[in-house]
């Protein structure tokens, strides 16, 4: 599939338009962390699903897919194992979070 080149400025402009449209629908001002899943589902009208794509497609090199089941149901599928290789943040224990008595 050929994807046309889009400038960074155009991407930024479209992203801001999408954020403004989402804020109007959601009724609140968006600030980090950005609610990407909500934006995908509420503003773009897509359904986001986490699935075992290796099992579904019989290949371990598929990280995501798009498609539609009907003209009304459009999907973004994300491989469930995508999070396996991403290190989770760790936070040092503080006195407030420690369950050890002083």
Protein backbone atom coordinates (compact mmCIF):
# COMPACT_ATOMS: atom_id res chain seq x y z
CA UNK A 1 0.00 0.00 0.00
CA UNK A 2 1.35 3.42 -0.94
CA UNK A 3 0.97 6.07 1.71
CA UNK A 4 1.37 9.70 0.63
CA UNK A 5 4.00 11.87 2.28
CA UNK A 6 2.58 14.35 4.81
CA UNK A 7 4.59 17.19 6.35
CA UNK A 8 5.13 17.42 10.10
CA UNK A 9 3.17 20.67 10.10
CA UNK A 10 0.17 19.02 8.43
CA UNK A 11 0.32 16.10 10.89
CA UNK A 12 0.44 18.55 13.81
CA UNK A 13 -2.48 20.52 12.39
CA UNK A 14 -4.59 17.39 11.89
CA UNK A 15 -3.69 16.17 15.39
CA UNK A 16 -4.82 19.48 16.91
CA UNK A 17 -8.07 19.35 14.93
CA UNK A 18 -8.68 15.82 16.21
CA UNK A 19 -7.92 16.85 19.82
CA UNK A 20 -10.31 19.79 19.57
CA UNK A 21 -13.05 17.58 18.11
CA UNK A 22 -12.51 15.01 20.87
CA UNK A 23 -12.62 17.67 23.59
CA UNK A 24 -15.96 18.89 22.23
CA UNK A 25 -17.40 15.36 22.31
CA UNK A 26 -15.86 14.40 25.65
CA UNK A 27 -16.71 17.68 27.38
CA UNK A 28 -13.31 18.16 29.01
CA UNK A 29 -9.91 19.63 28.15
CA UNK A 30 -7.35 16.94 27.30
CA UNK A 31 -3.98 16.98 29.03
CA UNK A 32 -1.25 14.32 29.33
CA UNK A 33 -1.50 11.43 29.50
CA UNK A 34 -3.47 11.65 26.25
CA UNK A 35 -6.49 9.27 26.20
CA UNK A 36 -5.56 7.69 22.86
CA UNK A 37 -8.00 4.79 23.19
CA UNK A 38 -10.91 7.14 23.89
CA UNK A 39 -9.95 9.36 20.94
CA UNK A 40 -9.77 6.34 18.61
CA UNK A 41 -13.18 5.08 19.68
CA UNK A 42 -15.13 8.28 20.36
CA UNK A 43 -13.78 10.68 17.74
CA UNK A 44 -12.70 8.39 14.94
CA UNK A 45 -15.55 5.93 15.39
CA UNK A 46 -13.24 2.92 15.37
CA UNK A 47 -13.28 -0.06 17.72
CA UNK A 48 -9.91 -0.85 19.33
CA UNK A 49 -9.34 -4.49 20.22
CA UNK A 50 -6.35 -6.28 21.71
CA UNK A 51 -6.13 -9.76 20.20
CA UNK A 52 -3.67 -12.63 19.77
CA UNK A 53 -2.80 -11.73 16.18
CA UNK A 54 -0.19 -14.47 15.91
CA UNK A 55 -2.95 -17.00 16.47
CA UNK A 56 -5.40 -15.11 14.24
CA UNK A 57 -3.06 -14.64 11.25
CA UNK A 58 -0.71 -17.58 11.78
CA UNK A 59 2.32 -15.31 11.82
CA UNK A 60 4.39 -13.78 14.61
CA UNK A 61 5.31 -10.61 12.70
CA UNK A 62 1.91 -8.87 12.76
CA UNK A 63 1.71 -6.13 15.41
CA UNK A 64 -1.51 -4.53 14.25
CA UNK A 65 -4.22 -4.63 11.63
CA UNK A 66 -7.19 -2.62 10.49
CA UNK A 67 -10.36 -3.78 8.87
CA UNK A 68 -14.12 -3.77 8.96
CA UNK A 69 -16.63 -6.45 9.78
CA UNK A 70 -19.49 -4.41 8.33
CA UNK A 71 -19.70 -0.92 6.88
CA UNK A 72 -20.60 0.26 10.40
CA UNK A 73 -18.00 -1.66 12.41
CA UNK A 74 -14.42 -0.66 11.68
CA UNK A 75 -11.61 -2.13 13.76
CA UNK A 76 -8.04 -1.56 14.84
CA UNK A 77 -6.52 -4.78 16.11
CA UNK A 78 -3.39 -4.64 18.28
CA UNK A 79 -1.25 -7.66 19.15
CA UNK A 80 -1.66 -8.52 22.84
CA UNK A 81 2.01 -9.48 23.10
CA UNK A 82 3.16 -6.01 22.03
CA UNK A 83 3.48 -5.05 25.70
CA UNK A 84 5.71 -8.04 26.54
CA UNK A 85 8.94 -6.37 25.39
CA UNK A 86 8.18 -2.93 26.79
CA UNK A 87 9.72 -2.44 30.23
CA UNK A 88 7.22 -1.32 32.81
CA UNK A 89 8.19 1.72 34.86
CA UNK A 90 9.35 1.04 38.36
CA UNK A 91 9.21 3.52 41.15
CA UNK A 92 11.36 3.48 44.26
CA UNK A 93 9.53 2.73 47.45
CA UNK A 94 9.02 5.74 49.61
CA UNK A 95 8.31 5.87 53.27
CA UNK A 96 4.65 6.71 52.48
CA UNK A 97 4.24 3.67 50.22
CA UNK A 98 6.20 1.26 52.37
CA UNK A 99 4.24 -1.19 54.46
CA UNK A 100 7.21 -1.68 56.80
CA UNK A 101 6.73 -0.19 60.27
CA UNK A 102 9.22 2.48 61.28
